[in-house]
Amino acid sequence: MKTIDIHAHLVPRSLWKAVEAKQAWYGFKHTPGAGAGSVVGGGMHTELTSPKVRFTPEERIKDMDAQGVDVQVLSIHTPFFGYHLDVAQGQALARDVNQEISATVRDAPKRFAGFATLPMQDVNAAIAELEHAVTKLGLKGVELDTHVNGEQWDEPKFLPFFKAAEQMGAVLFYHPQPQNNFLRVRNPRHGLFNSLGVILDDAIVAATLICGGVLDACPDIKICIAHGGGPTCYAMGRLDRGWERLPKDKRTPLPPSAYQSKLYYDTVVGSEEALRFLIDRLGIERVVIGSDWPFVPWTPGPGGWVQGLKSLTQEEKDRILWKNLEALLKL
C-alpha cells in the first residue's frame, strides 16, 4: 500500500542559512521564538508553529516513515510566495526555491516530487519560470496563491499562463495564505482566519476559475484545490442559481456544477463526513490525499486516517492514497 501526499510544505533551507548569517531572505526577517520562531515580510507576520519546518531532507524522510507516507510533493510554505516583490526579486526567489526543491527530489526521487513557485506578479516571467521548472528541473507543476496581489485568476492577463500550463501538462495546486485573508481584518478572534478564512479562500478561487471560464478556455488543464476546495461543492446549488439568474454575467455555456469534477481536491477537510460528501459529489477520481505537513497532526498519519474510514471502500481508499496522484503527476 502506497501513500502519495500532494500537500507537504517546505521552508527553504536558504532562508535558514540567511537566518544563521543574521541576514534577511528576500526581505523576510526572522525572529526566534516558540516553535521555529516567526518571520515578517510582505506585510505579514508568520508564526512558524512547527519545529519540523527546519528539518533536513533526511529528517523529513524519517518523519514520513513514522507517518506511513511514501512520497511527498514538496511545495513552498505559502507566506513565502513573494508576489509582493519587484519582478527581479520575485524571479530570484522563485529560481532559488525551485532549484532547491529540484535538488531535494533528485537526491531522493523515490520519496519526493516537487511543485515550483513562480513570480506571478509578472505573467511572462511566471511562464518562463514554469517552463524552466518543468522542462529543466523536473518539477510536476506549481503551487499558487488564491489571488495575485488582489487580482483574481479570471483576469484576462492570466489566460496565457493557463494556456502554457495546460500545454506543459503542469499541475496547478492552489493554496491560500492563512496569514493574509479577509478574516484577519473582519474578525481576528478565535483563530477563524485559519479554520474558516482559509477554506473560504479555497472556495473563492475554485468558483473564480469555474465561473470565469478558465476551465472552458483550457479544457485539459490540471488543477487541484487544497483543503477539499473548502465549501465549493456544498455551494454549487447557489452558484448554479446565480448563473441562471444573471445571464449578462455568464462566462460559461454550462452551469458551475458542470465543471466541479474538472478540478481535483485534497483530503484536508476535517472529518469523514466531509470527505464522503466530496467523493459522492465529484466521483472518487478527483480526490487525492493531502496532509498539510507539518502543520496538521494526523493519527496514525494521513494515510492511516484514510485507511481507518469506515464509509470508504478499499478501492476508494486506494484511489485516494496513491492511484489518482500516480496518474495525475505521472510518477
Protein backbone atom coordinates (compact mmCIF):
# COMPACT_ATOMS: atom_id res chain seq x y z
CA MET A 1 0.00 0.00 0.00
CA LYS A 2 1.44 3.37 -1.06
CA THR A 3 0.68 6.87 0.18
CA ILE A 4 1.46 9.89 -2.04
CA ASP A 5 0.91 13.23 -0.30
CA ILE A 6 0.17 16.22 -2.59
CA HIS A 7 0.15 18.79 0.23
CA ALA A 8 3.51 18.98 2.03
CA HIS A 9 5.11 22.35 2.76
CA LEU A 10 8.73 23.38 2.74
CA VAL A 11 10.51 26.37 4.26
CA PRO A 12 13.64 26.81 2.12
CA ARG A 13 16.97 25.87 3.61
CA SER A 14 18.34 29.05 2.02
CA LEU A 15 16.10 31.01 4.38
CA TRP A 16 17.60 29.23 7.39
CA LYS A 17 21.10 29.85 6.08
CA ALA A 18 20.25 33.56 5.87
CA VAL A 19 18.92 33.42 9.43
CA GLU A 20 22.15 31.83 10.65
CA ALA A 21 24.10 34.57 8.88
CA LYS A 22 21.81 37.18 10.51
CA GLN A 23 20.63 38.36 7.11
CA ALA A 24 17.21 38.96 5.56
CA TRP A 25 15.93 36.49 2.94
CA TYR A 26 14.35 38.39 0.03
CA GLY A 27 13.16 40.95 2.55
CA PHE A 28 11.83 38.38 5.04
CA LYS A 29 13.23 38.74 8.56
CA HIS A 30 13.23 36.04 11.24
CA THR A 31 12.66 36.40 14.98
CA PRO A 32 13.40 33.49 17.37
CA GLY A 33 10.51 32.21 19.47
CA ALA A 34 8.23 29.25 20.10
CA GLY A 35 8.27 26.50 17.50
CA ALA A 36 10.67 27.75 14.83
CA GLY A 37 10.11 31.42 15.61
CA SER A 38 8.35 33.87 13.32
CA VAL A 39 9.01 35.69 10.06
CA VAL A 40 7.94 39.15 8.95
CA GLY A 41 7.76 40.09 5.26
CA GLY A 42 5.32 41.24 2.62
CA GLY A 43 3.24 42.98 5.27
CA MET A 44 2.63 39.68 7.12
CA HIS A 45 3.73 38.24 10.44
CA THR A 46 4.00 34.45 10.22
CA GLU A 47 4.48 32.20 13.24
CA LEU A 48 6.28 29.00 12.28
CA THR A 49 4.43 26.83 14.75
CA SER A 50 6.13 23.53 13.99
CA PRO A 51 9.85 22.94 14.57
CA LYS A 52 9.68 20.48 11.66
CA VAL A 53 9.95 23.40 9.21
CA ARG A 54 13.69 23.30 9.96
CA PHE A 55 14.03 19.58 9.14
CA THR A 56 16.70 18.45 6.72
CA PRO A 57 15.52 16.16 3.90
CA GLU A 58 16.86 13.20 5.88
CA GLU A 59 14.86 14.21 8.96
CA ARG A 60 11.79 14.74 6.79
CA ILE A 61 12.10 11.22 5.38
CA LYS A 62 12.31 9.76 8.89
CA ASP A 63 9.15 11.67 9.80
CA MET A 64 7.44 10.42 6.62
CA ASP A 65 8.37 6.86 7.56
CA ALA A 66 6.85 7.36 11.00
CA GLN A 67 3.68 8.72 9.38
CA GLY A 68 3.49 5.96 6.76
CA VAL A 69 3.98 8.35 3.81
CA ASP A 70 5.94 7.05 0.82
CA VAL A 71 6.09 10.21 -1.33
CA GLN A 72 5.64 13.90 -0.55
CA VAL A 73 5.06 16.51 -3.25
CA LEU A 74 7.06 19.42 -1.88
CA SER A 75 5.76 22.98 -2.15
CA ILE A 76 6.84 26.23 -0.53
CA HIS A 77 5.16 27.39 2.68
CA THR A 78 2.66 29.94 1.41
CA PRO A 79 3.86 33.11 3.22
CA PHE A 80 6.95 32.94 1.01
CA PHE A 81 5.31 33.16 -2.43
CA GLY A 82 6.92 36.58 -2.85
CA TYR A 83 4.29 38.09 -5.14
CA HIS A 84 4.78 41.44 -3.38
CA LEU A 85 8.41 41.72 -4.51
CA ASP A 86 9.61 43.56 -7.59
CA VAL A 87 9.89 41.30 -10.63
CA ALA A 88 13.65 40.75 -10.44
CA GLN A 89 13.50 39.79 -6.77
CA GLY A 90 10.49 37.60 -7.40
CA GLN A 91 12.31 35.79 -10.18
CA ALA A 92 15.37 35.30 -7.98
CA LEU A 93 13.30 33.92 -5.08
CA ALA A 94 11.45 31.51 -7.37
CA ARG A 95 14.62 30.23 -9.05
CA ASP A 96 16.36 29.81 -5.68
CA VAL A 97 13.46 27.80 -4.22
CA ASN A 98 12.80 25.77 -7.36
CA GLN A 99 16.42 24.69 -7.65
CA GLU A 100 16.41 23.64 -4.01
CA ILE A 101 13.23 21.59 -4.41
CA SER A 102 14.59 20.01 -7.59
CA ALA A 103 17.85 19.07 -5.87
CA THR A 104 15.91 17.50 -2.99
CA VAL A 105 13.87 15.46 -5.46
CA ARG A 106 16.99 14.37 -7.38
CA ASP A 107 18.65 13.18 -4.17
CA ALA A 108 15.63 11.05 -3.17
CA PRO A 109 13.48 10.52 -6.29
CA LYS A 110 11.53 7.65 -4.76
CA ARG A 111 10.47 9.80 -1.79
CA PHE A 112 9.86 13.26 -3.24
CA ALA A 113 8.28 15.08 -6.15
CA GLY A 114 8.04 18.85 -6.36
CA PHE A 115 5.91 21.87 -7.19
CA ALA A 116 7.55 25.14 -8.23
CA THR A 117 6.79 28.63 -7.03
CA LEU A 118 6.54 31.44 -9.58
CA PRO A 119 6.87 35.25 -9.83
CA MET A 120 3.18 35.69 -10.64
CA GLN A 121 3.45 39.49 -10.35
CA ASP A 122 4.69 39.28 -13.97
CA VAL A 123 2.87 36.77 -16.16
CA ASN A 124 5.62 36.45 -18.79
CA ALA A 125 8.25 35.88 -16.10
CA ALA A 126 5.99 33.30 -14.47
CA ILE A 127 5.53 31.39 -17.73
CA ALA A 128 9.29 31.37 -18.33
CA GLU A 129 9.99 30.10 -14.81
CA LEU A 130 7.29 27.43 -15.08
CA GLU A 131 8.81 26.17 -18.32
CA HIS A 132 12.25 26.05 -16.69
CA ALA A 133 10.88 24.30 -13.61
CA VAL A 134 9.02 21.65 -15.60
CA THR A 135 11.39 21.03 -18.52
CA LYS A 136 14.77 21.63 -16.87
CA LEU A 137 14.23 20.95 -13.16
CA GLY A 138 11.74 18.11 -13.48
CA LEU A 139 9.07 19.59 -11.22
CA LYS A 140 5.46 18.47 -11.63
CA GLY A 141 3.72 21.83 -11.58
CA VAL A 142 3.33 24.83 -9.31
CA GLU A 143 1.76 25.90 -6.04
CA LEU A 144 -0.22 29.16 -6.32
CA ASP A 145 -1.94 31.62 -4.02
CA THR A 146 -5.69 32.14 -4.41
CA HIS A 147 -5.10 35.66 -5.77
CA VAL A 148 -2.14 37.72 -7.00
CA ASN A 149 -1.79 40.94 -5.02
CA GLY A 150 -5.58 41.29 -5.02
CA GLU A 151 -6.04 40.38 -8.70
CA GLN A 152 -8.32 37.41 -9.37
CA TRP A 153 -7.40 34.46 -11.54
CA ASP A 154 -10.14 35.06 -14.14
CA GLU A 155 -8.50 38.31 -15.25
CA PRO A 156 -7.65 38.06 -18.98
CA LYS A 157 -3.97 38.76 -18.24
CA PHE A 158 -3.61 35.29 -16.68
CA LEU A 159 -5.04 33.31 -19.62
CA PRO A 160 -1.64 32.92 -21.37
CA PHE A 161 -0.31 31.42 -18.16
CA PHE A 162 -3.13 28.87 -18.04
CA LYS A 163 -2.61 28.02 -21.70
CA ALA A 164 1.10 27.46 -21.10
CA ALA A 165 0.47 25.28 -18.04
CA GLU A 166 -2.08 23.25 -20.00
CA GLN A 167 0.36 22.71 -22.85
CA MET A 168 3.12 21.62 -20.46
CA GLY A 169 0.82 19.29 -18.53
CA ALA A 170 1.78 21.11 -15.32
CA VAL A 171 -0.42 20.62 -12.25
CA LEU A 172 -1.61 23.85 -10.57
CA PHE A 173 -2.04 23.43 -6.81
CA TYR A 174 -3.96 26.30 -5.21
CA HIS A 175 -3.36 27.06 -1.54
CA PRO A 176 -4.33 30.32 0.25
CA GLN A 177 -2.18 32.18 2.75
CA PRO A 178 -3.69 31.87 6.27
CA GLN A 179 -1.79 35.00 7.26
CA ASN A 180 -3.37 37.14 4.57
CA ASN A 181 -7.10 36.51 4.19
CA PHE A 182 -10.02 38.83 4.80
CA LEU A 183 -10.99 37.32 8.16
CA ARG A 184 -7.77 38.70 9.62
CA VAL A 185 -9.44 42.11 9.29
CA ARG A 186 -13.11 41.24 9.71
CA ASN A 187 -12.78 39.00 12.79
CA PRO A 188 -9.28 38.19 14.03
CA ARG A 189 -10.59 36.26 17.04
CA HIS A 190 -10.98 32.51 17.66
CA GLY A 191 -8.42 31.55 15.00
CA LEU A 192 -11.13 31.98 12.35
CA PHE A 193 -8.66 33.36 9.82
CA ASN A 194 -7.18 29.86 9.66
CA SER A 195 -10.05 27.46 10.43
CA LEU A 196 -12.61 29.28 8.27
CA GLY A 197 -10.85 32.01 6.29
CA VAL A 198 -8.55 29.56 4.53
CA ILE A 199 -11.32 27.33 3.21
CA LEU A 200 -13.41 30.32 2.14
CA ASP A 201 -10.43 31.43 0.05
CA ASP A 202 -10.27 27.91 -1.43
CA ALA A 203 -13.91 28.19 -2.47
CA ILE A 204 -13.41 31.67 -3.90
CA VAL A 205 -10.58 30.60 -6.17
CA ALA A 206 -12.43 27.45 -7.28
CA ALA A 207 -15.55 29.48 -8.10
CA THR A 208 -13.45 32.12 -9.86
CA LEU A 209 -11.76 29.53 -12.08
CA ILE A 210 -15.08 27.85 -12.87
CA CYS A 211 -17.32 30.90 -13.33
CA GLY A 212 -14.57 32.90 -15.02
CA GLY A 213 -14.37 30.43 -17.89
CA VAL A 214 -10.82 29.23 -17.27
CA LEU A 215 -11.84 25.56 -17.44
CA ASP A 216 -13.70 26.21 -20.69
CA ALA A 217 -10.73 28.00 -22.24
CA CYS A 218 -8.31 25.29 -21.06
CA PRO A 219 -10.27 22.02 -21.01
CA ASP A 220 -7.20 19.85 -20.37
CA ILE A 221 -5.72 21.92 -17.55
CA LYS A 222 -4.86 20.09 -14.31
CA ILE A 223 -5.85 21.97 -11.15
CA CYS A 224 -6.06 20.83 -7.53
CA ILE A 225 -7.59 22.91 -4.73
CA ALA A 226 -6.30 22.44 -1.18
CA HIS A 227 -8.47 21.61 1.84
CA GLY A 228 -11.06 19.81 -0.25
CA GLY A 229 -11.87 23.08 -2.02
CA GLY A 230 -13.48 24.33 1.17
CA PRO A 231 -17.26 24.72 0.76
CA THR A 232 -17.05 24.84 -3.06
CA CYS A 233 -19.08 21.72 -3.77
CA TYR A 234 -21.52 22.42 -0.94
CA ALA A 235 -22.27 25.81 -2.55
CA MET A 236 -22.83 24.56 -6.11
CA GLY A 237 -26.62 24.95 -5.92
CA ARG A 238 -26.24 28.65 -5.11
CA LEU A 239 -23.61 29.12 -7.80
CA ASP A 240 -25.91 27.48 -10.37
CA ARG A 241 -28.77 29.73 -9.31
CA GLY A 242 -26.61 32.81 -9.75
CA TRP A 243 -25.57 31.60 -13.20
CA GLU A 244 -29.24 31.14 -14.19
CA ARG A 245 -30.47 34.48 -12.80
CA LEU A 246 -27.73 36.72 -14.17
CA PRO A 247 -27.46 35.91 -17.87
CA LYS A 248 -25.44 39.06 -18.66
CA ASP A 249 -22.70 37.89 -16.29
CA LYS A 250 -22.39 34.40 -17.75
CA ARG A 251 -18.91 33.49 -18.98
CA THR A 252 -19.54 29.76 -19.36
CA PRO A 253 -22.02 27.86 -21.54
CA LEU A 254 -22.82 25.42 -18.73
CA PRO A 255 -23.74 25.98 -15.07
CA PRO A 256 -20.91 25.90 -12.49
CA SER A 257 -21.84 22.44 -11.20
CA ALA A 258 -20.97 21.01 -14.62
CA TYR A 259 -17.33 21.95 -14.01
CA GLN A 260 -16.78 20.91 -10.39
CA SER A 261 -15.50 17.48 -11.40
CA LYS A 262 -12.87 19.01 -13.69
CA LEU A 263 -10.89 20.02 -10.60
CA TYR A 264 -9.06 17.85 -8.09
CA TYR A 265 -9.44 18.31 -4.33
CA ASP A 266 -7.31 17.08 -1.43
CA THR A 267 -8.44 15.31 1.73
CA VAL A 268 -7.61 18.03 4.29
CA VAL A 269 -11.31 18.50 5.09
CA GLY A 270 -11.51 17.87 8.84
CA SER A 271 -13.95 14.97 9.05
CA GLU A 272 -15.01 11.70 7.47
CA GLU A 273 -18.47 13.12 6.72
CA ALA A 274 -17.00 15.98 4.71
CA LEU A 275 -14.74 13.64 2.74
CA ARG A 276 -17.63 11.28 1.98
CA PHE A 277 -19.69 14.22 0.72
CA LEU A 278 -16.81 15.32 -1.51
CA ILE A 279 -16.41 11.86 -3.01
CA ASP A 280 -20.15 11.49 -3.63
CA ARG A 281 -20.34 14.89 -5.33
CA LEU A 282 -17.24 14.56 -7.52
CA GLY A 283 -16.51 10.90 -8.06
CA ILE A 284 -13.56 9.18 -6.44
CA GLU A 285 -11.27 10.00 -9.40
CA ARG A 286 -10.98 13.64 -8.30
CA VAL A 287 -9.99 13.23 -4.66
CA VAL A 288 -6.33 12.92 -3.61
CA ILE A 289 -4.60 12.69 -0.27
CA GLY A 290 -3.00 15.71 1.37
CA SER A 291 -1.55 16.20 4.84
CA ASP A 292 -0.69 19.94 5.11
CA TRP A 293 2.66 18.79 6.53
CA PRO A 294 3.85 19.72 9.10
CA PHE A 295 1.01 21.89 10.38
CA VAL A 296 -1.86 19.40 10.75
CA PRO A 297 -1.47 16.44 13.14
CA TRP A 298 -2.63 13.04 11.86
CA THR A 299 -3.02 9.88 13.91
CA PRO A 300 -1.74 7.44 12.80
CA GLY A 301 -0.61 9.56 9.83
CA PRO A 302 -2.66 10.89 6.90
CA GLY A 303 -2.75 7.55 5.13
CA GLY A 304 -3.68 5.75 8.32
CA TRP A 305 -6.54 8.20 8.82
CA VAL A 306 -7.92 7.39 5.36
CA GLN A 307 -7.45 3.67 5.88
CA GLY A 308 -9.50 3.84 9.08
CA LEU A 309 -12.56 5.48 7.49
CA LYS A 310 -15.48 3.05 7.55
CA SER A 311 -17.57 4.79 4.87
CA LEU A 312 -14.93 4.23 2.15
CA THR A 313 -14.42 1.06 0.17
CA GLN A 314 -10.87 -0.28 -0.22
CA GLU A 315 -10.87 0.74 -3.88
CA GLU A 316 -11.81 4.30 -2.88
CA LYS A 317 -9.02 4.32 -0.33
CA ASP A 318 -6.50 3.07 -2.89
CA ARG A 319 -7.51 5.77 -5.36
CA ILE A 320 -7.16 8.49 -2.75
CA LEU A 321 -3.91 7.18 -1.28
CA TRP A 322 -1.95 6.71 -4.50
CA LYS A 323 -3.71 5.70 -7.70
CA ASN A 324 -5.14 9.12 -8.58
CA LEU A 325 -1.93 11.01 -7.84
CA GLU A 326 0.29 8.49 -9.55
CA ALA A 327 -1.71 9.10 -12.73
CA LEU A 328 -2.10 12.88 -12.28
CA LEU A 329 1.60 13.51 -11.61
CA LYS A 330 2.91 10.75 -13.88
CA LEU A 331 5.03 9.32 -11.08
